Structure formats: C-alpha cells, structure tokens
Amino acid sequence: MPHLHAVASRATDDPTLILLTVEEAARRLRVGRTTCFALIRSGALESLTIGTLRRVPADAPAAYLARRRAEQHAA
C-alpha cells in the first residue's frame, strides 16, 4: 500500500489536471499557501473563481516563473 505522501504527490503531479487548487499551485512553486494567495491577490499569479472555489490554471505557475526570470534577466 503506497504512503499517503506518495499518493498526494502523484495527484499534484498529474499532467492531465487543467486547474489546480491554491495548495497544489503553491507546491509546484515550492512556496507556502499564504505566499501563493499573496501572488494571486497581487495579480502576479493567474487564478479564477468557480462558484466559491479559487483555482489556478495548471500552466499559470510556469508562466509566473517565466515572467520572473525575464524580469531578473532584464535587470
């Protein structure tokens, strides 16, 4: 029987997901949940609301990192 952490990790790394929870996006970015919400509030990380749920498009963390890298190379 797989460990709970291994099962959770596989769910987070599922390439078929098109929307992530804030917690999943935070794990992909290797930041905390609070930091991830701050990125969303500032508009740096794209998200959308579906009903009462906040979701992050699966490609948004990579897009955020690409913008940050471009900004740092430009400076």
N, C-alpha and C. Protein backbone atom coordinates (compact mmCIF):
# COMPACT_ATOMS: atom_id res chain seq x y z
N MET A 1 0.84 -1.18 0.00
CA MET A 1 0.00 0.00 0.00
C MET A 1 0.89 1.25 0.00
N PRO A 2 0.67 2.19 -0.94
CA PRO A 2 1.53 3.38 -1.00
C PRO A 2 1.30 4.30 0.19
N HIS A 3 2.34 5.03 0.52
CA HIS A 3 2.23 6.00 1.60
C HIS A 3 1.34 7.15 1.15
N LEU A 4 0.69 7.79 2.11
CA LEU A 4 -0.20 8.90 1.81
C LEU A 4 0.53 10.00 1.06
N HIS A 5 1.78 10.31 1.46
CA HIS A 5 2.55 11.36 0.80
C HIS A 5 2.77 11.02 -0.68
N ALA A 6 3.06 9.78 -0.98
CA ALA A 6 3.29 9.37 -2.37
C ALA A 6 2.02 9.53 -3.20
N VAL A 7 0.87 9.20 -2.62
CA VAL A 7 -0.39 9.34 -3.33
C VAL A 7 -0.69 10.82 -3.57
N ALA A 8 -0.50 11.66 -2.57
CA ALA A 8 -0.73 13.09 -2.71
C ALA A 8 0.20 13.69 -3.75
N SER A 9 1.45 13.25 -3.76
CA SER A 9 2.43 13.76 -4.71
C SER A 9 2.02 13.41 -6.14
N ARG A 10 1.55 12.19 -6.36
CA ARG A 10 1.12 11.80 -7.70
C ARG A 10 -0.07 12.63 -8.16
N ALA A 11 -1.01 12.92 -7.26
CA ALA A 11 -2.17 13.74 -7.62
C ALA A 11 -1.73 15.14 -7.99
N THR A 12 -0.77 15.69 -7.28
CA THR A 12 -0.27 17.04 -7.55
C THR A 12 0.47 17.09 -8.88
N ASP A 13 1.15 16.03 -9.24
CA ASP A 13 1.95 15.99 -10.46
C ASP A 13 1.18 15.47 -11.66
N ASP A 14 -0.13 15.28 -11.53
CA ASP A 14 -0.96 14.75 -12.60
C ASP A 14 -0.98 15.74 -13.77
N PRO A 15 -0.38 15.38 -14.91
CA PRO A 15 -0.31 16.31 -16.03
C PRO A 15 -1.65 16.54 -16.72
N THR A 16 -2.67 15.74 -16.39
CA THR A 16 -3.97 15.91 -17.03
C THR A 16 -4.83 16.97 -16.34
N LEU A 17 -4.41 17.42 -15.16
CA LEU A 17 -5.17 18.46 -14.46
C LEU A 17 -5.05 19.77 -15.22
N ILE A 18 -6.17 20.46 -15.40
CA ILE A 18 -6.11 21.76 -16.05
C ILE A 18 -6.29 22.89 -15.06
N LEU A 19 -6.82 22.57 -13.88
CA LEU A 19 -6.95 23.54 -12.81
C LEU A 19 -6.36 22.96 -11.53
N LEU A 20 -5.66 23.80 -10.80
CA LEU A 20 -5.05 23.39 -9.54
C LEU A 20 -5.71 24.11 -8.39
N THR A 21 -5.70 23.49 -7.22
CA THR A 21 -6.07 24.21 -6.02
C THR A 21 -4.92 25.16 -5.70
N VAL A 22 -5.16 26.12 -4.83
CA VAL A 22 -4.10 27.03 -4.43
C VAL A 22 -2.98 26.25 -3.77
N GLU A 23 -3.32 25.25 -2.99
CA GLU A 23 -2.30 24.43 -2.32
C GLU A 23 -1.44 23.68 -3.34
N GLU A 24 -2.06 23.15 -4.40
CA GLU A 24 -1.30 22.44 -5.43
C GLU A 24 -0.38 23.41 -6.18
N ALA A 25 -0.89 24.60 -6.48
CA ALA A 25 -0.05 25.62 -7.15
C ALA A 25 1.11 26.02 -6.25
N ALA A 26 0.84 26.17 -4.97
CA ALA A 26 1.91 26.52 -4.02
C ALA A 26 2.98 25.44 -3.99
N ARG A 27 2.57 24.18 -3.99
CA ARG A 27 3.54 23.08 -4.00
C ARG A 27 4.38 23.10 -5.27
N ARG A 28 3.75 23.39 -6.41
CA ARG A 28 4.51 23.45 -7.67
C ARG A 28 5.53 24.57 -7.65
N LEU A 29 5.17 25.68 -7.01
CA LEU A 29 6.08 26.82 -6.91
C LEU A 29 7.05 26.68 -5.75
N ARG A 30 6.83 25.70 -4.90
CA ARG A 30 7.64 25.48 -3.70
C ARG A 30 7.59 26.69 -2.77
N VAL A 31 6.36 27.23 -2.62
CA VAL A 31 6.12 28.33 -1.68
C VAL A 31 4.97 27.92 -0.77
N GLY A 32 4.76 28.67 0.27
CA GLY A 32 3.65 28.39 1.17
C GLY A 32 2.32 28.86 0.61
N ARG A 33 1.27 28.37 1.22
CA ARG A 33 -0.10 28.71 0.83
C ARG A 33 -0.34 30.22 0.94
N THR A 34 0.13 30.84 2.02
CA THR A 34 -0.06 32.27 2.23
C THR A 34 0.64 33.07 1.14
N THR A 35 1.85 32.68 0.79
CA THR A 35 2.59 33.36 -0.28
C THR A 35 1.86 33.20 -1.61
N CYS A 36 1.33 32.02 -1.86
CA CYS A 36 0.60 31.77 -3.10
C CYS A 36 -0.64 32.67 -3.18
N PHE A 37 -1.38 32.79 -2.07
CA PHE A 37 -2.54 33.68 -2.05
C PHE A 37 -2.11 35.13 -2.28
N ALA A 38 -0.97 35.53 -1.73
CA ALA A 38 -0.47 36.88 -1.94
C ALA A 38 -0.15 37.12 -3.41
N LEU A 39 0.44 36.14 -4.07
CA LEU A 39 0.73 36.25 -5.51
C LEU A 39 -0.57 36.39 -6.31
N ILE A 40 -1.58 35.65 -5.90
CA ILE A 40 -2.89 35.73 -6.57
C ILE A 40 -3.50 37.12 -6.35
N ARG A 41 -3.50 37.59 -5.10
CA ARG A 41 -4.08 38.91 -4.79
C ARG A 41 -3.40 40.03 -5.56
N SER A 42 -2.08 39.91 -5.73
CA SER A 42 -1.33 40.97 -6.43
C SER A 42 -1.50 40.89 -7.95
N GLY A 43 -2.07 39.80 -8.44
CA GLY A 43 -2.23 39.62 -9.88
C GLY A 43 -1.04 38.97 -10.54
N ALA A 44 -0.02 38.64 -9.77
CA ALA A 44 1.19 38.02 -10.33
C ALA A 44 0.93 36.58 -10.78
N LEU A 45 0.02 35.90 -10.09
CA LEU A 45 -0.32 34.52 -10.42
C LEU A 45 -1.78 34.47 -10.82
N GLU A 46 -2.03 34.02 -12.04
CA GLU A 46 -3.40 33.96 -12.56
C GLU A 46 -4.24 32.95 -11.77
N SER A 47 -5.47 33.33 -11.52
CA SER A 47 -6.42 32.40 -10.89
C SER A 47 -7.82 32.78 -11.33
N LEU A 48 -8.77 31.92 -11.05
CA LEU A 48 -10.15 32.21 -11.33
C LEU A 48 -11.03 31.59 -10.26
N THR A 49 -12.23 32.11 -10.18
CA THR A 49 -13.19 31.61 -9.20
C THR A 49 -14.24 30.80 -9.94
N ILE A 50 -14.50 29.62 -9.42
CA ILE A 50 -15.57 28.78 -9.94
C ILE A 50 -16.51 28.54 -8.76
N GLY A 51 -17.64 29.20 -8.78
CA GLY A 51 -18.53 29.16 -7.63
C GLY A 51 -17.84 29.85 -6.47
N THR A 52 -17.59 29.11 -5.41
CA THR A 52 -16.87 29.66 -4.27
C THR A 52 -15.42 29.18 -4.21
N LEU A 53 -15.00 28.45 -5.23
CA LEU A 53 -13.65 27.86 -5.24
C LEU A 53 -12.66 28.71 -6.01
N ARG A 54 -11.47 28.84 -5.50
CA ARG A 54 -10.38 29.54 -6.18
C ARG A 54 -9.51 28.48 -6.84
N ARG A 55 -9.29 28.62 -8.13
CA ARG A 55 -8.47 27.66 -8.86
C ARG A 55 -7.42 28.40 -9.68
N VAL A 56 -6.30 27.73 -9.90
CA VAL A 56 -5.17 28.27 -10.65
C VAL A 56 -5.00 27.40 -11.90
N PRO A 57 -5.03 27.99 -13.10
CA PRO A 57 -4.77 27.20 -14.30
C PRO A 57 -3.43 26.48 -14.18
N ALA A 58 -3.37 25.25 -14.66
CA ALA A 58 -2.18 24.42 -14.49
C ALA A 58 -0.94 25.05 -15.11
N ASP A 59 -1.11 25.87 -16.15
CA ASP A 59 0.06 26.50 -16.77
C ASP A 59 0.45 27.82 -16.12
N ALA A 60 -0.34 28.32 -15.18
CA ALA A 60 -0.06 29.62 -14.55
C ALA A 60 1.22 29.64 -13.71
N PRO A 61 1.52 28.59 -12.92
CA PRO A 61 2.79 28.65 -12.17
C PRO A 61 4.01 28.77 -13.09
N ALA A 62 4.03 28.03 -14.19
CA ALA A 62 5.16 28.10 -15.12
C ALA A 62 5.22 29.48 -15.79
N ALA A 63 4.06 30.05 -16.12
CA ALA A 63 4.02 31.38 -16.73
C ALA A 63 4.54 32.43 -15.75
N TYR A 64 4.17 32.31 -14.48
CA TYR A 64 4.66 33.22 -13.45
C TYR A 64 6.19 33.15 -13.36
N LEU A 65 6.72 31.94 -13.31
CA LEU A 65 8.17 31.78 -13.23
C LEU A 65 8.87 32.33 -14.47
N ALA A 66 8.29 32.13 -15.64
CA ALA A 66 8.89 32.65 -16.87
C ALA A 66 8.95 34.18 -16.83
N ARG A 67 7.88 34.82 -16.36
CA ARG A 67 7.88 36.28 -16.24
C ARG A 67 8.94 36.75 -15.24
N ARG A 68 9.03 36.07 -14.11
CA ARG A 68 10.02 36.45 -13.09
C ARG A 68 11.43 36.30 -13.63
N ARG A 69 11.69 35.22 -14.36
CA ARG A 69 13.02 35.01 -14.93
C ARG A 69 13.36 36.10 -15.94
N ALA A 70 12.38 36.46 -16.79
CA ALA A 70 12.60 37.50 -17.78
C ALA A 70 12.87 38.84 -17.09
N GLU A 71 12.13 39.15 -16.01
CA GLU A 71 12.35 40.38 -15.26
C GLU A 71 13.75 40.42 -14.67
N GLN A 72 14.20 39.31 -14.12
CA GLN A 72 15.52 39.27 -13.49
C GLN A 72 16.63 39.39 -14.53
N HIS A 73 16.43 38.80 -15.71
CA HIS A 73 17.45 38.90 -16.77
C HIS A 73 17.50 40.31 -17.33
N ALA A 74 16.37 41.02 -17.32
CA ALA A 74 16.31 42.39 -17.84
C ALA A 74 16.95 43.38 -16.88
N ALA A 75 16.98 43.04 -15.60
CA ALA A 75 17.51 43.99 -14.60
C ALA A 75 19.02 44.02 -14.56
